[in-house]
Amino acid sequence: MPRKPRLHLPGGLYHVILRGNDRQDIFLEDEDRMVFYRLLEESTRRFAYRVHAFCLMTDHVHLALQIWPNAHTVF
């Protein structure tokens, strides 16, 4: 059974974690991190959220994101 869609709270602050499959490394080289930085920057311009903080580890990423109050999306 699929999970229910997450409720979107305008102005909500979310802690997002991204992990590699089986906790495998997702950043093998510095260039991998630079690609992630560029994608994160591009996505903040494209979608309605703000990055308050982030931490890139070798095998996972932590993000503190805030959805803009006027955003109308469901995750």
C-alpha atoms as a PDB file:
ATOM      1  CA  MET A   1       0.000   0.000   0.000  1.00  0.00           C
ATOM      2  CA  PRO A   2       1.479   3.387  -0.949  1.00  0.00           C
ATOM      3  CA  ARG A   3       1.926   5.992   1.730  1.00  0.00           C
ATOM      4  CA  LYS A   4      -0.484   8.892   1.967  1.00  0.00           C
ATOM      5  CA  PRO A   5       0.675  12.221   0.487  1.00  0.00           C
ATOM      6  CA  ARG A   6       2.342  14.518   2.983  1.00  0.00           C
ATOM      7  CA  LEU A   7       0.343  17.507   4.062  1.00  0.00           C
ATOM      8  CA  HIS A   8       1.754  20.820   2.889  1.00  0.00           C
ATOM      9  CA  LEU A   9       1.822  23.563   5.507  1.00  0.00           C
ATOM     10  CA  PRO A  10       2.476  27.015   4.026  1.00  0.00           C
ATOM     11  CA  GLY A  11       5.448  28.494   5.869  1.00  0.00           C
ATOM     12  CA  GLY A  12       6.260  25.071   7.334  1.00  0.00           C
ATOM     13  CA  LEU A  13       9.843  24.155   8.249  1.00  0.00           C
ATOM     14  CA  TYR A  14      10.949  20.653   7.280  1.00  0.00           C
ATOM     15  CA  HIS A  15      13.971  18.517   8.117  1.00  0.00           C
ATOM     16  CA  VAL A  16      14.738  16.494   4.973  1.00  0.00           C
ATOM     17  CA  ILE A  17      17.215  13.614   4.881  1.00  0.00           C
ATOM     18  CA  LEU A  18      18.591  12.097   1.665  1.00  0.00           C
ATOM     19  CA  ARG A  19      20.502   8.819   1.865  1.00  0.00           C
ATOM     20  CA  GLY A  20      22.287   6.569  -0.571  1.00  0.00           C
ATOM     21  CA  ASN A  21      20.848   3.106  -1.229  1.00  0.00           C
ATOM     22  CA  ASP A  22      21.885   0.768   1.591  1.00  0.00           C
ATOM     23  CA  ARG A  23      23.659   3.808   3.076  1.00  0.00           C
ATOM     24  CA  GLN A  24      26.216   3.740   0.284  1.00  0.00           C
ATOM     25  CA  ASP A  25      28.273   6.867  -0.401  1.00  0.00           C
ATOM     26  CA  ILE A  26      26.544   9.424  -2.596  1.00  0.00           C
ATOM     27  CA  PHE A  27      29.442  11.877  -2.782  1.00  0.00           C
ATOM     28  CA  LEU A  28      32.543  10.168  -4.085  1.00  0.00           C
ATOM     29  CA  GLU A  29      34.461  13.283  -5.155  1.00  0.00           C
ATOM     30  CA  ASP A  30      34.327  17.029  -4.524  1.00  0.00           C
ATOM     31  CA  GLU A  31      32.770  17.457  -7.977  1.00  0.00           C
ATOM     32  CA  ASP A  32      29.779  15.405  -6.785  1.00  0.00           C
ATOM     33  CA  ARG A  33      29.226  17.924  -3.997  1.00  0.00           C
ATOM     34  CA  MET A  34      29.525  20.835  -6.436  1.00  0.00           C
ATOM     35  CA  VAL A  35      26.864  19.276  -8.673  1.00  0.00           C
ATOM     36  CA  PHE A  36      24.596  18.940  -5.634  1.00  0.00           C
ATOM     37  CA  TYR A  37      25.202  22.602  -4.688  1.00  0.00           C
ATOM     38  CA  ARG A  38      24.272  23.704  -8.216  1.00  0.00           C
ATOM     39  CA  LEU A  39      21.117  21.567  -8.253  1.00  0.00           C
ATOM     40  CA  LEU A  40      20.100  22.876  -4.827  1.00  0.00           C
ATOM     41  CA  GLU A  41      20.621  26.473  -5.934  1.00  0.00           C
ATOM     42  CA  GLU A  42      18.683  25.919  -9.172  1.00  0.00           C
ATOM     43  CA  SER A  43      15.793  24.220  -7.403  1.00  0.00           C
ATOM     44  CA  THR A  44      15.382  27.051  -4.877  1.00  0.00           C
ATOM     45  CA  ARG A  45      14.872  29.448  -7.777  1.00  0.00           C
ATOM     46  CA  ARG A  46      12.485  27.080  -9.512  1.00  0.00           C
ATOM     47  CA  PHE A  47      10.349  25.934  -6.586  1.00  0.00           C
ATOM     48  CA  ALA A  48       8.850  27.764  -3.624  1.00  0.00           C
ATOM     49  CA  TYR A  49      11.167  26.941  -0.719  1.00  0.00           C
ATOM     50  CA  ARG A  50      14.088  28.395   1.199  1.00  0.00           C
ATOM     51  CA  VAL A  51      17.129  26.515   2.490  1.00  0.00           C
ATOM     52  CA  HIS A  52      17.912  27.532   6.072  1.00  0.00           C
ATOM     53  CA  ALA A  53      20.716  25.026   6.585  1.00  0.00           C
ATOM     54  CA  PHE A  54      22.235  21.926   5.066  1.00  0.00           C
ATOM     55  CA  CYS A  55      24.945  19.414   5.850  1.00  0.00           C
ATOM     56  CA  LEU A  56      26.552  17.174   3.244  1.00  0.00           C
ATOM     57  CA  MET A  57      27.997  13.955   4.613  1.00  0.00           C
ATOM     58  CA  THR A  58      29.635  11.246   2.524  1.00  0.00           C
ATOM     59  CA  ASP A  59      26.571   8.993   2.539  1.00  0.00           C
ATOM     60  CA  HIS A  60      23.710  11.365   3.327  1.00  0.00           C
ATOM     61  CA  VAL A  61      22.443  14.964   3.351  1.00  0.00           C
ATOM     62  CA  HIS A  62      20.438  16.938   5.911  1.00  0.00           C
ATOM     63  CA  LEU A  63      18.385  19.939   4.760  1.00  0.00           C
ATOM     64  CA  ALA A  64      16.322  22.424   6.778  1.00  0.00           C
ATOM     65  CA  LEU A  65      13.769  23.747   4.284  1.00  0.00           C
ATOM     66  CA  GLN A  66      10.939  26.220   4.627  1.00  0.00           C
ATOM     67  CA  ILE A  67       8.048  26.242   2.191  1.00  0.00           C
ATOM     68  CA  TRP A  68       6.963  29.715   1.139  1.00  0.00           C
ATOM     69  CA  PRO A  69       3.496  30.640   2.437  1.00  0.00           C
ATOM     70  CA  ASN A  70       2.095  31.145  -1.073  1.00  0.00           C
ATOM     71  CA  ALA A  71       3.225  27.724  -2.366  1.00  0.00           C
ATOM     72  CA  HIS A  72       0.392  25.337  -3.281  1.00  0.00           C
ATOM     73  CA  THR A  73       1.952  21.896  -3.569  1.00  0.00           C
ATOM     74  CA  VAL A  74       1.534  18.496  -1.937  1.00  0.00           C
ATOM     75  CA  PHE A  75       4.579  16.286  -1.409  1.00  0.00           C
END
